[in-house]
Protein backbone atom coordinates (compact mmCIF):
# COMPACT_ATOMS: atom_id res chain seq x y z
CA MET A 1 100.02 231.79 64.75
CA ASP A 2 102.74 234.20 63.92
CA THR A 3 100.95 237.58 65.82
CA GLN A 4 103.83 239.81 65.06
CA GLN A 5 103.18 239.81 60.91
CA VAL A 6 103.37 243.42 59.88
CA ILE A 7 101.24 243.98 56.79
CA THR A 8 100.78 247.47 54.91
CA THR A 9 97.70 248.56 53.84
CA GLU A 10 96.88 250.35 49.94
CA ILE A 11 97.22 253.51 51.70
CA GLY A 12 100.59 252.71 53.40
CA VAL A 13 99.03 251.89 57.41
CA GLN A 14 100.91 249.40 59.19
CA LYS A 15 99.00 246.96 60.74
CA ILE A 16 99.53 243.72 62.83
CA GLY A 17 97.82 240.91 61.08
CA LYS A 18 97.64 238.95 58.09
CA GLN A 19 96.64 239.88 54.38
CA VAL A 20 92.82 238.80 53.69
CA SER A 21 92.77 235.43 52.41
CA GLU A 22 91.54 234.86 49.21
CA GLU A 23 88.93 232.26 50.75
CA LEU A 24 86.83 235.21 51.97
CA PRO A 25 84.77 237.13 49.90
CA LYS A 26 86.10 240.99 48.66
CA VAL A 27 82.19 242.02 48.42
CA LYS A 28 79.64 241.10 51.21
CA ASP A 29 76.27 239.84 49.62
CA ALA A 30 73.53 238.39 51.06
CA THR A 31 75.31 234.74 50.96
CA VAL A 32 76.60 233.16 54.06
CA ASN A 33 80.33 232.68 53.72
CA LEU A 34 82.89 231.26 55.81
CA ARG A 35 83.50 234.44 57.53
CA ASP A 36 80.03 234.78 58.41
CA ARG A 37 80.10 231.32 60.11
CA LEU A 38 83.33 231.98 62.21
CA ASN A 39 81.86 235.30 63.22
CA ASP A 40 78.67 233.50 64.45
CA ILE A 41 80.34 230.78 66.34
CA LEU A 42 82.90 233.12 67.94
CA ALA A 43 80.15 235.31 69.18
CA ASP A 44 78.25 232.02 70.78
CA GLU A 45 81.45 230.84 72.27
CA LYS A 46 81.59 234.41 74.01
CA HIS A 47 78.17 234.36 75.22
CA ILE A 48 78.45 230.65 76.62
CA LEU A 49 82.11 231.69 78.17
CA ILE A 50 80.75 234.52 79.81
CA ASN A 51 77.79 232.58 81.22
CA TYR A 52 80.46 229.78 82.48
CA GLN A 53 82.20 232.15 84.11
CA ILE A 54 78.83 233.62 86.05
CA ALA A 55 77.72 229.83 87.22
CA ILE A 56 81.36 229.24 88.34
CA ASN A 57 81.36 232.27 90.14
CA GLU A 58 78.25 231.69 92.10
CA MET A 59 78.61 227.62 92.23
CA ILE A 60 78.32 226.30 95.97
CA ASN A 61 79.54 222.65 95.34
CA ASP A 62 83.28 222.45 94.85
CA ASP A 63 82.57 219.17 92.50
CA LEU A 64 80.48 221.10 90.20
CA ARG A 65 82.55 224.10 90.40
CA ASN A 66 85.42 221.75 88.74
CA LEU A 67 83.56 220.19 86.09
CA LEU A 68 82.17 223.59 85.09
CA LEU A 69 85.86 224.98 85.52
CA GLU A 70 86.85 222.07 83.11
CA ASN A 71 83.74 222.65 80.55
CA ARG A 72 84.76 226.15 80.37
CA ASN A 73 88.34 225.71 79.61
CA LYS A 74 87.70 223.17 76.68
CA ILE A 75 85.16 226.05 75.33
CA GLN A 76 88.13 228.60 75.80
CA GLY A 77 90.01 226.45 73.62
CA ALA A 78 87.73 226.14 71.13
CA HIS A 79 87.37 229.66 71.14
CA THR A 80 90.81 230.63 70.91
CA GLY A 81 90.90 228.14 67.81
CA PHE A 82 87.96 229.75 65.87
CA PHE A 83 89.84 233.29 66.83
CA ASN A 84 92.72 231.88 65.50
CA GLU A 85 91.52 230.50 61.82
CA LEU A 86 89.54 234.28 61.41
CA PHE A 87 93.05 235.82 62.50
CA ASN A 88 95.02 233.51 59.89
CA LEU A 89 92.04 234.71 57.18
CA GLY A 90 92.87 238.10 57.47
CA GLU A 91 89.85 239.05 59.61
CA TYR A 92 91.76 240.44 62.72
CA GLN A 93 94.09 243.22 62.49
CA ALA A 94 95.38 246.14 64.75
CA ASP A 95 97.22 249.56 63.86
CA ILE A 96 100.51 249.62 65.33
CA ALA A 97 100.99 251.95 68.18
CA THR A 98 103.41 254.59 67.74
CA SER A 99 105.93 255.34 70.80
CA PRO A 100 104.04 258.35 71.55
CA GLN A 101 100.65 256.68 71.36
CA ILE A 102 102.11 253.93 73.62
CA ARG A 103 103.52 256.61 76.39
CA ASP A 104 100.08 258.41 76.28
CA ALA A 105 98.43 254.95 77.42
CA LEU A 106 100.77 254.34 79.99
CA VAL A 107 100.36 257.51 81.62
CA VAL A 108 96.16 257.45 81.50
CA PHE A 109 96.53 253.97 82.89
CA ALA A 110 99.18 254.69 85.71
CA GLY A 111 96.73 257.60 86.76
CA TYR A 112 93.88 254.95 87.41
CA LYS A 113 96.13 253.28 90.25
CA THR A 114 95.11 255.99 92.08
CA GLN A 115 91.60 255.23 92.18
CA LEU A 116 92.11 251.63 93.69
CA PRO A 117 91.63 250.90 97.01
CA TYR A 118 94.68 249.57 97.95
CA THR A 119 98.29 250.40 97.23
CA GLN A 120 100.63 248.61 94.51
């Protein structure tokens, strides 16, 4: 997956992403389409991953924890696959940040370091 592909919208905004695929409908109607199915599966995978992580955090038996870790890693791989499929269909795009936006975010998050209970 080429995450650095740049597209330009009809009004000239540059984004990281891909053009929306012809496989996806231009207008949403009552029918369930490929985008709907993939988004539903992706939401389920996210829910499952969160619950696996909670179970792993609270597992006392090392053998069971390792089994859960293996399963969680397989589910994470499936999740990544569904996300990549949606990305490749043009479902996910992100605006390209300007240098001032990046500097602003860096300043904000660097300030959060002072809230941490330990030094870096």
